[in-house]
Amino acid sequence: MADQQEAKLEAGPEQLLYASILQKGMFVGLVILFITFALYALSIMKPYIPLDEVSHYWTMNVHDYLHHAHIKPGWSWVGMLNYGDFINFTGVAILAGVTIICYLAIVPILLKSNDKVYVVLAVLEALVLSLAASGILAVGH
């Protein structure tokens, strides 16, 4: 009986693949965060908001900040990667997006094991996360 319980506690191939991709993606995202923060903090890249003006924006809500700083909401930061304070978003985007990749990667294993319910759930999860990240479902504007 104890052997059967231990066997049930073992991770399946889809869980191992998910965890492996998540581990690598988180490591890559973290390394990029460290590198891009160093580029910003060491003034290797010029910031969009000069460091002596940053404290002026601290009390603003996000809508006021975007308005006063002349920044468009959503994915407009991608066009501003030449600034030290925006290149940091690259690591954040990787960390946020790696879960989508994990879900899509396990779909073939789930299909092979004929686990249709989990295939649907994994695809739906990837779609919902992608839709949310796209900005199409903008809330609170």
Protein backbone atom coordinates (compact mmCIF):
# COMPACT_ATOMS: atom_id res chain seq x y z
CA MET A 1 0.00 0.00 0.00
CA ALA A 2 2.82 2.42 0.85
CA ASP A 3 4.47 1.73 -2.53
CA GLN A 4 1.25 2.64 -4.36
CA GLN A 5 0.98 5.94 -2.45
CA GLU A 6 4.62 6.78 -3.24
CA ALA A 7 4.06 6.03 -6.93
CA LYS A 8 1.14 8.46 -6.98
CA LEU A 9 3.37 11.20 -5.58
CA GLU A 10 5.81 11.03 -8.47
CA ALA A 11 5.63 13.82 -11.03
CA GLY A 12 4.38 12.89 -14.47
CA PRO A 13 6.28 13.72 -17.68
CA GLU A 14 4.14 16.81 -18.33
CA GLN A 15 4.89 18.11 -14.83
CA LEU A 16 8.60 17.52 -15.27
CA LEU A 17 8.64 19.30 -18.64
CA TYR A 18 6.62 22.21 -17.23
CA ALA A 19 8.98 22.51 -14.26
CA SER A 20 12.07 22.27 -16.45
CA ILE A 21 10.91 25.04 -18.79
CA LEU A 22 9.77 27.16 -15.84
CA GLN A 23 13.14 26.77 -14.12
CA LYS A 24 15.10 27.75 -17.24
CA GLY A 25 12.74 30.62 -18.06
CA MET A 26 12.89 32.01 -14.54
CA PHE A 27 16.68 31.79 -14.57
CA VAL A 28 16.90 33.60 -17.92
CA GLY A 29 14.43 36.25 -16.76
CA LEU A 30 16.30 36.78 -13.51
CA VAL A 31 19.67 37.09 -15.24
CA ILE A 32 18.20 39.60 -17.70
CA LEU A 33 16.71 41.55 -14.77
CA PHE A 34 20.13 41.78 -13.11
CA ILE A 35 21.87 42.81 -16.34
CA THR A 36 19.29 45.40 -17.35
CA PHE A 37 19.14 46.84 -13.83
CA ALA A 38 22.92 47.20 -13.87
CA LEU A 39 22.68 49.02 -17.22
CA TYR A 40 20.19 51.40 -15.62
CA ALA A 41 21.73 51.80 -12.15
CA LEU A 42 25.26 52.31 -13.45
CA SER A 43 23.99 54.88 -15.98
CA ILE A 44 25.34 52.83 -18.88
CA MET A 45 22.04 53.51 -20.64
CA LYS A 46 20.34 56.89 -20.46
CA PRO A 47 16.98 56.73 -18.62
CA TYR A 48 13.76 58.12 -20.05
CA ILE A 49 13.00 59.78 -16.70
CA PRO A 50 16.19 61.41 -15.36
CA LEU A 51 17.12 60.07 -11.93
CA ASP A 52 16.81 63.50 -10.31
CA GLU A 53 13.17 63.69 -11.49
CA VAL A 54 12.06 60.18 -10.45
CA SER A 55 10.90 61.23 -6.99
CA HIS A 56 8.50 63.75 -8.59
CA TYR A 57 6.49 60.84 -10.02
CA TRP A 58 6.35 58.69 -6.85
CA THR A 59 3.11 60.18 -5.54
CA MET A 60 1.25 59.90 -8.85
CA ASN A 61 -1.15 57.14 -9.76
CA VAL A 62 -0.35 55.24 -12.94
CA HIS A 63 -2.68 57.29 -15.17
CA ASP A 64 -1.20 60.60 -14.00
CA TYR A 65 2.33 59.23 -14.33
CA LEU A 66 1.75 58.09 -17.91
CA HIS A 67 0.16 61.43 -18.80
CA HIS A 68 2.85 63.64 -17.24
CA ALA A 69 5.71 61.50 -18.52
CA HIS A 70 4.19 61.33 -22.03
CA ILE A 71 4.18 57.53 -22.06
CA LYS A 72 1.52 55.52 -23.85
CA PRO A 73 0.00 52.61 -21.90
CA GLY A 74 0.25 48.95 -22.81
CA TRP A 75 3.05 47.57 -24.94
CA SER A 76 4.44 50.97 -25.93
CA TRP A 77 7.40 50.25 -23.65
CA VAL A 78 8.75 47.92 -26.35
CA GLY A 79 9.49 50.97 -28.50
CA MET A 80 11.36 52.56 -25.59
CA LEU A 81 13.93 49.82 -24.95
CA ASN A 82 16.71 52.23 -25.80
CA TYR A 83 16.18 53.79 -22.33
CA GLY A 84 17.70 52.28 -19.21
CA ASP A 85 14.50 52.49 -17.21
CA PHE A 86 12.49 50.67 -19.89
CA ILE A 87 14.94 47.92 -20.81
CA ASN A 88 14.23 46.49 -17.34
CA PHE A 89 10.77 45.50 -18.56
CA THR A 90 12.37 42.83 -20.78
CA GLY A 91 13.12 40.56 -17.82
CA VAL A 92 9.70 41.17 -16.33
CA ALA A 93 8.04 40.22 -19.65
CA ILE A 94 10.07 37.01 -19.81
CA LEU A 95 9.16 36.11 -16.23
CA ALA A 96 5.49 36.81 -16.93
CA GLY A 97 5.42 34.99 -20.26
CA VAL A 98 7.28 31.80 -19.41
CA THR A 99 4.10 30.25 -17.97
CA ILE A 100 2.41 30.51 -21.37
CA ILE A 101 5.31 28.63 -22.94
CA CYS A 102 5.10 25.98 -20.20
CA TYR A 103 1.41 25.33 -20.85
CA LEU A 104 1.88 25.09 -24.61
CA ALA A 105 4.89 22.78 -24.22
CA ILE A 106 2.95 20.16 -22.26
CA VAL A 107 0.09 19.93 -24.75
CA PRO A 108 1.82 17.27 -26.96
CA ILE A 109 2.49 15.07 -23.91
CA LEU A 110 -1.13 15.44 -22.80
CA LEU A 111 -2.34 14.59 -26.31
CA LYS A 112 -0.10 11.54 -26.43
CA SER A 113 -1.56 10.30 -23.13
CA ASN A 114 -5.08 11.04 -24.45
CA ASP A 115 -5.74 13.42 -21.55
CA LYS A 116 -8.27 15.57 -23.41
CA VAL A 117 -9.54 17.51 -20.39
CA TYR A 118 -6.04 18.67 -19.47
CA VAL A 119 -5.29 19.50 -23.12
CA VAL A 120 -8.30 21.80 -23.18
CA LEU A 121 -7.36 23.33 -19.83
CA ALA A 122 -3.72 23.90 -20.85
CA VAL A 123 -4.70 25.50 -24.18
CA LEU A 124 -7.36 27.66 -22.51
CA GLU A 125 -4.90 28.76 -19.83
CA ALA A 126 -2.34 29.73 -22.48
CA LEU A 127 -5.02 31.61 -24.42
CA VAL A 128 -6.33 33.47 -21.37
CA LEU A 129 -2.81 34.48 -20.29
CA SER A 130 -1.93 35.56 -23.84
CA LEU A 131 -5.14 37.54 -24.15
CA ALA A 132 -4.52 39.23 -20.81
CA ALA A 133 -0.94 40.08 -21.79
CA SER A 134 -2.02 41.43 -25.15
CA GLY A 135 -3.92 44.32 -23.58
CA ILE A 136 -7.06 43.56 -25.58
CA LEU A 137 -9.01 43.17 -22.36
CA ALA A 138 -8.08 46.60 -21.04
CA VAL A 139 -9.85 47.31 -17.76
CA GLY A 140 -9.97 50.52 -15.77
CA HIS A 141 -9.22 53.04 -18.54
